[in-house]
Amino acid sequence: MRLVNTDQPSAALLERAKWSFTTRRVRRALASRVETDLSTAKSGDLVLAQVQSLGNHKRLQLSDGRFSPLYLGDRVVLACGDRF
């Protein structure tokens, strides 16, 4: 498993990030290798992202099933996957 992001995360950043419901079965200790090239991301990879703007999606379903509002600057961990 790879963690893909645009900036180098520290353990503290990952700890404070909001982990989405799609990551509910991920063992967080395994998310350790970092790639900064998003073009190499594939289905099953994780992305550490920072909320830059809010549009239609103003909340995130967390890994425990609860919903959390999104705020500018929030860091979120999401899973890449094929939609259709």
PDB file of N, CA and C in Angstrom:
ATOM      1  N   MET A   1       0.843  -1.169   0.000  1.00  0.00           N
ATOM      2  CA  MET A   1       0.000   0.000   0.000  1.00  0.00           C
ATOM      3  C   MET A   1       0.889   1.233   0.000  1.00  0.00           C
ATOM      4  N   ARG A   2       0.517   2.210  -0.798  1.00  0.00           N
ATOM      5  CA  ARG A   2       1.258   3.465  -0.847  1.00  0.00           C
ATOM      6  C   ARG A   2       0.365   4.581  -0.364  1.00  0.00           C
ATOM      7  N   LEU A   3       0.977   5.581   0.205  1.00  0.00           N
ATOM      8  CA  LEU A   3       0.263   6.804   0.567  1.00  0.00           C
ATOM      9  C   LEU A   3       0.753   7.865  -0.393  1.00  0.00           C
ATOM     10  N   VAL A   4      -0.152   8.412  -1.182  1.00  0.00           N
ATOM     11  CA  VAL A   4       0.211   9.407  -2.180  1.00  0.00           C
ATOM     12  C   VAL A   4      -0.237  10.767  -1.665  1.00  0.00           C
ATOM     13  N   ASN A   5       0.643  11.761  -1.740  1.00  0.00           N
ATOM     14  CA  ASN A   5       0.243  13.096  -1.319  1.00  0.00           C
ATOM     15  C   ASN A   5       1.075  14.138  -2.031  1.00  0.00           C
ATOM     16  N   THR A   6       0.751  15.386  -1.767  1.00  0.00           N
ATOM     17  CA  THR A   6       1.460  16.476  -2.416  1.00  0.00           C
ATOM     18  C   THR A   6       2.494  17.123  -1.521  1.00  0.00           C
ATOM     19  N   ASP A   7       2.533  16.760  -0.272  1.00  0.00           N
ATOM     20  CA  ASP A   7       3.568  17.266   0.628  1.00  0.00           C
ATOM     21  C   ASP A   7       3.941  16.149   1.598  1.00  0.00           C
ATOM     22  N   GLN A   8       5.118  16.208   2.136  1.00  0.00           N
ATOM     23  CA  GLN A   8       5.612  15.140   3.001  1.00  0.00           C
ATOM     24  C   GLN A   8       4.850  15.129   4.329  1.00  0.00           C
ATOM     25  N   PRO A   9       4.112  14.055   4.612  1.00  0.00           N
ATOM     26  CA  PRO A   9       3.384  14.021   5.873  1.00  0.00           C
ATOM     27  C   PRO A   9       4.263  13.514   7.004  1.00  0.00           C
ATOM     28  N   SER A  10       4.002  13.973   8.161  1.00  0.00           N
ATOM     29  CA  SER A  10       4.645  13.414   9.341  1.00  0.00           C
ATOM     30  C   SER A  10       3.610  12.531  10.030  1.00  0.00           C
ATOM     31  N   ALA A  11       4.038  11.763  10.991  1.00  0.00           N
ATOM     32  CA  ALA A  11       3.102  10.915  11.731  1.00  0.00           C
ATOM     33  C   ALA A  11       2.020  11.768  12.389  1.00  0.00           C
ATOM     34  N   ALA A  12       2.384  12.963  12.834  1.00  0.00           N
ATOM     35  CA  ALA A  12       1.411  13.847  13.488  1.00  0.00           C
ATOM     36  C   ALA A  12       0.338  14.309  12.509  1.00  0.00           C
ATOM     37  N   LEU A  13       0.728  14.605  11.267  1.00  0.00           N
ATOM     38  CA  LEU A  13      -0.257  15.019  10.270  1.00  0.00           C
ATOM     39  C   LEU A  13      -1.249  13.899   9.997  1.00  0.00           C
ATOM     40  N   LEU A  14      -0.754  12.680   9.869  1.00  0.00           N
ATOM     41  CA  LEU A  14      -1.641  11.542   9.625  1.00  0.00           C
ATOM     42  C   LEU A  14      -2.539  11.289  10.822  1.00  0.00           C
ATOM     43  N   GLU A  15      -2.005  11.496  11.996  1.00  0.00           N
ATOM     44  CA  GLU A  15      -2.781  11.289  13.218  1.00  0.00           C
ATOM     45  C   GLU A  15      -3.950  12.264  13.308  1.00  0.00           C
ATOM     46  N   ARG A  16      -3.714  13.521  12.911  1.00  0.00           N
ATOM     47  CA  ARG A  16      -4.752  14.553  13.004  1.00  0.00           C
ATOM     48  C   ARG A  16      -5.688  14.581  11.806  1.00  0.00           C
ATOM     49  N   ALA A  17      -5.328  13.914  10.721  1.00  0.00           N
ATOM     50  CA  ALA A  17      -6.145  13.939   9.509  1.00  0.00           C
ATOM     51  C   ALA A  17      -7.467  13.214   9.734  1.00  0.00           C
ATOM     52  N   LYS A  18      -8.463  13.620   8.969  1.00  0.00           N
ATOM     53  CA  LYS A  18      -9.751  12.932   8.982  1.00  0.00           C
ATOM     54  C   LYS A  18      -9.666  11.786   7.966  1.00  0.00           C
ATOM     55  N   TRP A  19      -9.857  10.571   8.427  1.00  0.00           N
ATOM     56  CA  TRP A  19      -9.781   9.384   7.572  1.00  0.00           C
ATOM     57  C   TRP A  19     -11.187   9.059   7.089  1.00  0.00           C
ATOM     58  N   SER A  20     -11.357   8.980   5.773  1.00  0.00           N
ATOM     59  CA  SER A  20     -12.676   8.760   5.188  1.00  0.00           C
ATOM     60  C   SER A  20     -13.146   7.321   5.392  1.00  0.00           C
ATOM     61  N   PHE A  21     -14.430   7.107   5.184  1.00  0.00           N
ATOM     62  CA  PHE A  21     -15.047   5.800   5.369  1.00  0.00           C
ATOM     63  C   PHE A  21     -14.414   4.748   4.463  1.00  0.00           C
ATOM     64  N   THR A  22     -13.931   5.155   3.309  1.00  0.00           N
ATOM     65  CA  THR A  22     -13.307   4.193   2.390  1.00  0.00           C
ATOM     66  C   THR A  22     -12.001   3.645   2.944  1.00  0.00           C
ATOM     67  N   THR A  23     -11.493   4.236   4.008  1.00  0.00           N
ATOM     68  CA  THR A  23     -10.242   3.758   4.624  1.00  0.00           C
ATOM     69  C   THR A  23     -10.507   2.963   5.904  1.00  0.00           C
ATOM     70  N   ARG A  24     -11.753   2.588   6.153  1.00  0.00           N
ATOM     71  CA  ARG A  24     -12.128   1.980   7.433  1.00  0.00           C
ATOM     72  C   ARG A  24     -11.399   0.676   7.731  1.00  0.00           C
ATOM     73  N   ARG A  25     -10.955  -0.048   6.715  1.00  0.00           N
ATOM     74  CA  ARG A  25     -10.268  -1.326   6.946  1.00  0.00           C
ATOM     75  C   ARG A  25      -8.749  -1.224   6.810  1.00  0.00           C
ATOM     76  N   VAL A  26      -8.262  -0.024   6.646  1.00  0.00           N
ATOM     77  CA  VAL A  26      -6.818   0.186   6.486  1.00  0.00           C
ATOM     78  C   VAL A  26      -6.142   0.150   7.852  1.00  0.00           C
ATOM     79  N   ARG A  27      -5.083  -0.611   7.944  1.00  0.00           N
ATOM     80  CA  ARG A  27      -4.253  -0.552   9.154  1.00  0.00           C
ATOM     81  C   ARG A  27      -3.338   0.652   8.974  1.00  0.00           C
ATOM     82  N   ARG A  28      -3.556   1.660   9.755  1.00  0.00           N
ATOM     83  CA  ARG A  28      -2.885   2.950   9.560  1.00  0.00           C
ATOM     84  C   ARG A  28      -1.377   2.858   9.667  1.00  0.00           C
ATOM     85  N   ALA A  29      -0.882   1.919  10.406  1.00  0.00           N
ATOM     86  CA  ALA A  29       0.570   1.752  10.540  1.00  0.00           C
ATOM     87  C   ALA A  29       1.205   1.356   9.212  1.00  0.00           C
ATOM     88  N   LEU A  30       0.423   0.796   8.288  1.00  0.00           N
ATOM     89  CA  LEU A  30       0.963   0.386   6.989  1.00  0.00           C
ATOM     90  C   LEU A  30       1.084   1.558   6.010  1.00  0.00           C
ATOM     91  N   ALA A  31       0.450   2.661   6.302  1.00  0.00           N
ATOM     92  CA  ALA A  31       0.495   3.832   5.420  1.00  0.00           C
ATOM     93  C   ALA A  31       1.762   4.620   5.728  1.00  0.00           C
ATOM     94  N   SER A  32       2.867   4.167   5.149  1.00  0.00           N
ATOM     95  CA  SER A  32       4.138   4.781   5.522  1.00  0.00           C
ATOM     96  C   SER A  32       4.936   5.277   4.323  1.00  0.00           C
ATOM     97  N   ARG A  33       4.821   4.639   3.192  1.00  0.00           N
ATOM     98  CA  ARG A  33       5.592   5.055   2.029  1.00  0.00           C
ATOM     99  C   ARG A  33       4.896   6.206   1.332  1.00  0.00           C
ATOM    100  N   VAL A  34       5.639   7.204   0.933  1.00  0.00           N
ATOM    101  CA  VAL A  34       5.062   8.423   0.365  1.00  0.00           C
ATOM    102  C   VAL A  34       5.561   8.635  -1.050  1.00  0.00           C
ATOM    103  N   GLU A  35       4.629   8.885  -1.944  1.00  0.00           N
ATOM    104  CA  GLU A  35       4.934   9.279  -3.314  1.00  0.00           C
ATOM    105  C   GLU A  35       4.349  10.676  -3.507  1.00  0.00           C
ATOM    106  N   THR A  36       5.067  11.546  -4.156  1.00  0.00           N
ATOM    107  CA  THR A  36       4.531  12.887  -4.385  1.00  0.00           C
ATOM    108  C   THR A  36       3.963  13.062  -5.782  1.00  0.00           C
ATOM    109  N   ASP A  37       4.136  12.065  -6.646  1.00  0.00           N
ATOM    110  CA  ASP A  37       3.626  12.133  -8.013  1.00  0.00           C
ATOM    111  C   ASP A  37       2.237  11.515  -8.060  1.00  0.00           C
ATOM    112  N   LEU A  38       1.207  12.350  -8.109  1.00  0.00           N
ATOM    113  CA  LEU A  38      -0.165  11.853  -8.116  1.00  0.00           C
ATOM    114  C   LEU A  38      -0.510  11.084  -9.380  1.00  0.00           C
ATOM    115  N   SER A  39       0.239  11.276 -10.450  1.00  0.00           N
ATOM    116  CA  SER A  39      -0.057  10.565 -11.694  1.00  0.00           C
ATOM    117  C   SER A  39       0.199   9.069 -11.559  1.00  0.00           C
ATOM    118  N   THR A  40       0.938   8.646 -10.537  1.00  0.00           N
ATOM    119  CA  THR A  40       1.216   7.233 -10.339  1.00  0.00           C
ATOM    120  C   THR A  40       0.190   6.560  -9.430  1.00  0.00           C
ATOM    121  N   ALA A  41      -0.764   7.325  -8.904  1.00  0.00           N
ATOM    122  CA  ALA A  41      -1.766   6.753  -7.992  1.00  0.00           C
ATOM    123  C   ALA A  41      -2.624   5.743  -8.729  1.00  0.00           C
ATOM    124  N   LYS A  42      -2.915   4.642  -8.030  1.00  0.00           N
ATOM    125  CA  LYS A  42      -3.772   3.627  -8.624  1.00  0.00           C
ATOM    126  C   LYS A  42      -4.812   3.196  -7.597  1.00  0.00           C
ATOM    127  N   SER A  43      -5.776   2.432  -8.049  1.00  0.00           N
ATOM    128  CA  SER A  43      -6.849   1.971  -7.180  1.00  0.00           C
ATOM    129  C   SER A  43      -6.266   1.259  -5.958  1.00  0.00           C
ATOM    130  N   GLY A  44      -6.729   1.645  -4.782  1.00  0.00           N
ATOM    131  CA  GLY A  44      -6.236   1.072  -3.540  1.00  0.00           C
ATOM    132  C   GLY A  44      -5.220   1.936  -2.828  1.00  0.00           C
ATOM    133  N   ASP A  45      -4.632   2.902  -3.533  1.00  0.00           N
ATOM    134  CA  ASP A  45      -3.692   3.824  -2.897  1.00  0.00           C
ATOM    135  C   ASP A  45      -4.462   4.829  -2.051  1.00  0.00           C
ATOM    136  N   LEU A  46      -3.795   5.393  -1.082  1.00  0.00           N
ATOM    137  CA  LEU A  46      -4.381   6.428  -0.239  1.00  0.00           C
ATOM    138  C   LEU A  46      -3.818   7.778  -0.635  1.00  0.00           C
ATOM    139  N   VAL A  47      -4.633   8.807  -0.465  1.00  0.00           N
ATOM    140  CA  VAL A  47      -4.218  10.172  -0.774  1.00  0.00           C
ATOM    141  C   VAL A  47      -4.400  11.025   0.468  1.00  0.00           C
ATOM    142  N   LEU A  48      -3.357  11.718   0.863  1.00  0.00           N
ATOM    143  CA  LEU A  48      -3.448  12.710   1.926  1.00  0.00           C
ATOM    144  C   LEU A  48      -3.627  14.050   1.235  1.00  0.00           C
ATOM    145  N   ALA A  49      -4.759  14.693   1.490  1.00  0.00           N
ATOM    146  CA  ALA A  49      -5.082  15.940   0.801  1.00  0.00           C
ATOM    147  C   ALA A  49      -5.478  17.001   1.815  1.00  0.00           C
ATOM    148  N   GLN A  50      -5.378  18.248   1.369  1.00  0.00           N
ATOM    149  CA  GLN A  50      -5.807  19.366   2.207  1.00  0.00           C
ATOM    150  C   GLN A  50      -6.952  20.070   1.498  1.00  0.00           C
ATOM    151  N   VAL A  51      -8.015  20.372   2.238  1.00  0.00           N
ATOM    152  CA  VAL A  51      -9.185  21.043   1.677  1.00  0.00           C
ATOM    153  C   VAL A  51      -8.792  22.474   1.313  1.00  0.00           C
ATOM    154  N   GLN A  52      -8.921  22.801   0.035  1.00  0.00           N
ATOM    155  CA  GLN A  52      -8.587  24.137  -0.454  1.00  0.00           C
ATOM    156  C   GLN A  52      -9.828  24.997  -0.661  1.00  0.00           C
ATOM    157  N   SER A  53     -10.949  24.356  -0.993  1.00  0.00           N
ATOM    158  CA  SER A  53     -12.206  25.078  -1.171  1.00  0.00           C
ATOM    159  C   SER A  53     -13.351  24.103  -0.931  1.00  0.00           C
ATOM    160  N   LEU A  54     -14.514  24.642  -0.658  1.00  0.00           N
ATOM    161  CA  LEU A  54     -15.699  23.826  -0.424  1.00  0.00           C
ATOM    162  C   LEU A  54     -16.709  24.086  -1.529  1.00  0.00           C
ATOM    163  N   GLY A  55     -17.285  23.022  -2.014  1.00  0.00           N
ATOM    164  CA  GLY A  55     -18.313  23.117  -3.043  1.00  0.00           C
ATOM    165  C   GLY A  55     -19.561  22.409  -2.561  1.00  0.00           C
ATOM    166  N   ASN A  56     -19.993  21.397  -3.315  1.00  0.00           N
ATOM    167  CA  ASN A  56     -21.188  20.639  -2.944  1.00  0.00           C
ATOM    168  C   ASN A  56     -20.956  19.741  -1.740  1.00  0.00           C
ATOM    169  N   HIS A  57     -19.747  19.248  -1.572  1.00  0.00           N
ATOM    170  CA  HIS A  57     -19.445  18.323  -0.480  1.00  0.00           C
ATOM    171  C   HIS A  57     -18.893  19.094   0.709  1.00  0.00           C
ATOM    172  N   LYS A  58     -19.724  19.235   1.731  1.00  0.00           N
ATOM    173  CA  LYS A  58     -19.344  20.029   2.897  1.00  0.00           C
ATOM    174  C   LYS A  58     -19.112  19.173   4.137  1.00  0.00           C
ATOM    175  N   ARG A  59     -19.205  17.848   3.969  1.00  0.00           N
ATOM    176  CA  ARG A  59     -18.948  16.948   5.086  1.00  0.00           C
ATOM    177  C   ARG A  59     -18.324  15.666   4.557  1.00  0.00           C
ATOM    178  N   LEU A  60     -17.690  14.949   5.469  1.00  0.00           N
ATOM    179  CA  LEU A  60     -16.974  13.721   5.125  1.00  0.00           C
ATOM    180  C   LEU A  60     -17.449  12.617   6.050  1.00  0.00           C
ATOM    181  N   GLN A  61     -17.735  11.441   5.484  1.00  0.00           N
ATOM    182  CA  GLN A  61     -18.067  10.301   6.336  1.00  0.00           C
ATOM    183  C   GLN A  61     -16.758   9.698   6.818  1.00  0.00           C
ATOM    184  N   LEU A  62     -16.591   9.660   8.129  1.00  0.00           N
ATOM    185  CA  LEU A  62     -15.354   9.189   8.735  1.00  0.00           C
ATOM    186  C   LEU A  62     -15.299   7.666   8.756  1.00  0.00           C
ATOM    187  N   SER A  63     -14.131   7.131   9.057  1.00  0.00           N
ATOM    188  CA  SER A  63     -13.922   5.682   9.047  1.00  0.00           C
ATOM    189  C   SER A  63     -14.811   4.952  10.051  1.00  0.00           C
ATOM    190  N   ASP A  64     -15.314   5.653  11.071  1.00  0.00           N
ATOM    191  CA  ASP A  64     -16.211   5.016  12.044  1.00  0.00           C
ATOM    192  C   ASP A  64     -17.686   5.186  11.677  1.00  0.00           C
ATOM    193  N   GLY A  65     -17.953   5.807  10.518  1.00  0.00           N
ATOM    194  CA  GLY A  65     -19.325   5.956  10.042  1.00  0.00           C
ATOM    195  C   GLY A  65     -19.971   7.295  10.356  1.00  0.00           C
ATOM    196  N   ARG A  66     -19.393   8.051  11.300  1.00  0.00           N
ATOM    197  CA  ARG A  66     -19.947   9.370  11.633  1.00  0.00           C
ATOM    198  C   ARG A  66     -19.635  10.364  10.526  1.00  0.00           C
ATOM    199  N   PHE A  67     -20.432  11.420  10.438  1.00  0.00           N
ATOM    200  CA  PHE A  67     -20.158  12.492   9.491  1.00  0.00           C
ATOM    201  C   PHE A  67     -19.474  13.642  10.210  1.00  0.00           C
ATOM    202  N   SER A  68     -18.527  14.270   9.529  1.00  0.00           N
ATOM    203  CA  SER A  68     -17.794  15.393  10.089  1.00  0.00           C
ATOM    204  C   SER A  68     -17.828  16.538   9.085  1.00  0.00           C
ATOM    205  N   PRO A  69     -18.116  17.753   9.534  1.00  0.00           N
ATOM    206  CA  PRO A  69     -18.068  18.881   8.611  1.00  0.00           C
ATOM    207  C   PRO A  69     -16.639  19.095   8.112  1.00  0.00           C
ATOM    208  N   LEU A  70     -16.525  19.563   6.886  1.00  0.00           N
ATOM    209  CA  LEU A  70     -15.215  19.895   6.324  1.00  0.00           C
ATOM    210  C   LEU A  70     -14.986  21.394   6.455  1.00  0.00           C
ATOM    211  N   TYR A  71     -13.765  21.758   6.773  1.00  0.00           N
ATOM    212  CA  TYR A  71     -13.369  23.152   6.885  1.00  0.00           C
ATOM    213  C   TYR A  71     -12.146  23.380   6.016  1.00  0.00           C
ATOM    214  N   LEU A  72     -11.972  24.606   5.567  1.00  0.00           N
ATOM    215  CA  LEU A  72     -10.773  24.942   4.812  1.00  0.00           C
ATOM    216  C   LEU A  72      -9.548  24.609   5.646  1.00  0.00           C
ATOM    217  N   GLY A  73      -8.581  23.965   5.033  1.00  0.00           N
ATOM    218  CA  GLY A  73      -7.363  23.603   5.726  1.00  0.00           C
ATOM    219  C   GLY A  73      -7.374  22.206   6.326  1.00  0.00           C
ATOM    220  N   ASP A  74      -8.549  21.578   6.421  1.00  0.00           N
ATOM    221  CA  ASP A  74      -8.600  20.204   6.931  1.00  0.00           C
ATOM    222  C   ASP A  74      -7.739  19.298   6.067  1.00  0.00           C
ATOM    223  N   ARG A  75      -7.093  18.348   6.701  1.00  0.00           N
ATOM    224  CA  ARG A  75      -6.373  17.297   5.969  1.00  0.00           C
ATOM    225  C   ARG A  75      -7.208  16.032   6.058  1.00  0.00           C
ATOM    226  N   VAL A  76      -7.360  15.383   4.909  1.00  0.00           N
ATOM    227  CA  VAL A  76      -8.181  14.179   4.828  1.00  0.00           C
ATOM    228  C   VAL A  76      -7.392  13.079   4.134  1.00  0.00           C
ATOM    229  N   VAL A  77      -7.655  11.844   4.547  1.00  0.00           N
ATOM    230  CA  VAL A  77      -7.068  10.679   3.891  1.00  0.00           C
ATOM    231  C   VAL A  77      -8.196   9.984   3.158  1.00  0.00           C
ATOM    232  N   LEU A  78      -8.001   9.817   1.859  1.00  0.00           N
ATOM    233  CA  LEU A  78      -9.011   9.236   0.974  1.00  0.00           C
ATOM    234  C   LEU A  78      -8.404   8.062   0.230  1.00  0.00           C
ATOM    235  N   ALA A  79      -9.242   7.170  -0.244  1.00  0.00           N
ATOM    236  CA  ALA A  79      -8.764   6.027  -1.020  1.00  0.00           C
ATOM    237  C   ALA A  79      -9.060   6.258  -2.494  1.00  0.00           C
ATOM    238  N   CYS A  80      -8.089   5.943  -3.341  1.00  0.00           N
ATOM    239  CA  CYS A  80      -8.304   5.970  -4.783  1.00  0.00           C
ATOM    240  C   CYS A  80      -9.076   4.726  -5.183  1.00  0.00           C
ATOM    241  N   GLY A  81      -9.931   4.857  -6.168  1.00  0.00           N
ATOM    242  CA  GLY A  81     -10.685   3.701  -6.627  1.00  0.00           C
ATOM    243  C   GLY A  81     -11.383   3.999  -7.938  1.00  0.00           C
ATOM    244  N   ASP A  82     -11.774   2.937  -8.606  1.00  0.00           N
ATOM    245  CA  ASP A  82     -12.533   3.062  -9.849  1.00  0.00           C
ATOM    246  C   ASP A  82     -13.994   3.295  -9.492  1.00  0.00           C
ATOM    247  N   ARG A  83     -14.573   4.354 -10.012  1.00  0.00           N
ATOM    248  CA  ARG A  83     -15.957   4.693  -9.714  1.00  0.00           C
ATOM    249  C   ARG A  83     -16.945   3.864 -10.513  1.00  0.00           C
ATOM    250  N   PHE A  84     -16.671   3.729 -11.802  1.00  0.00           N
ATOM    251  CA  PHE A  84     -17.627   3.053 -12.666  1.00  0.00           C
ATOM    252  C   PHE A  84     -16.916   2.024 -13.506  1.00  0.00           C
TER     253      PHE A  84
END
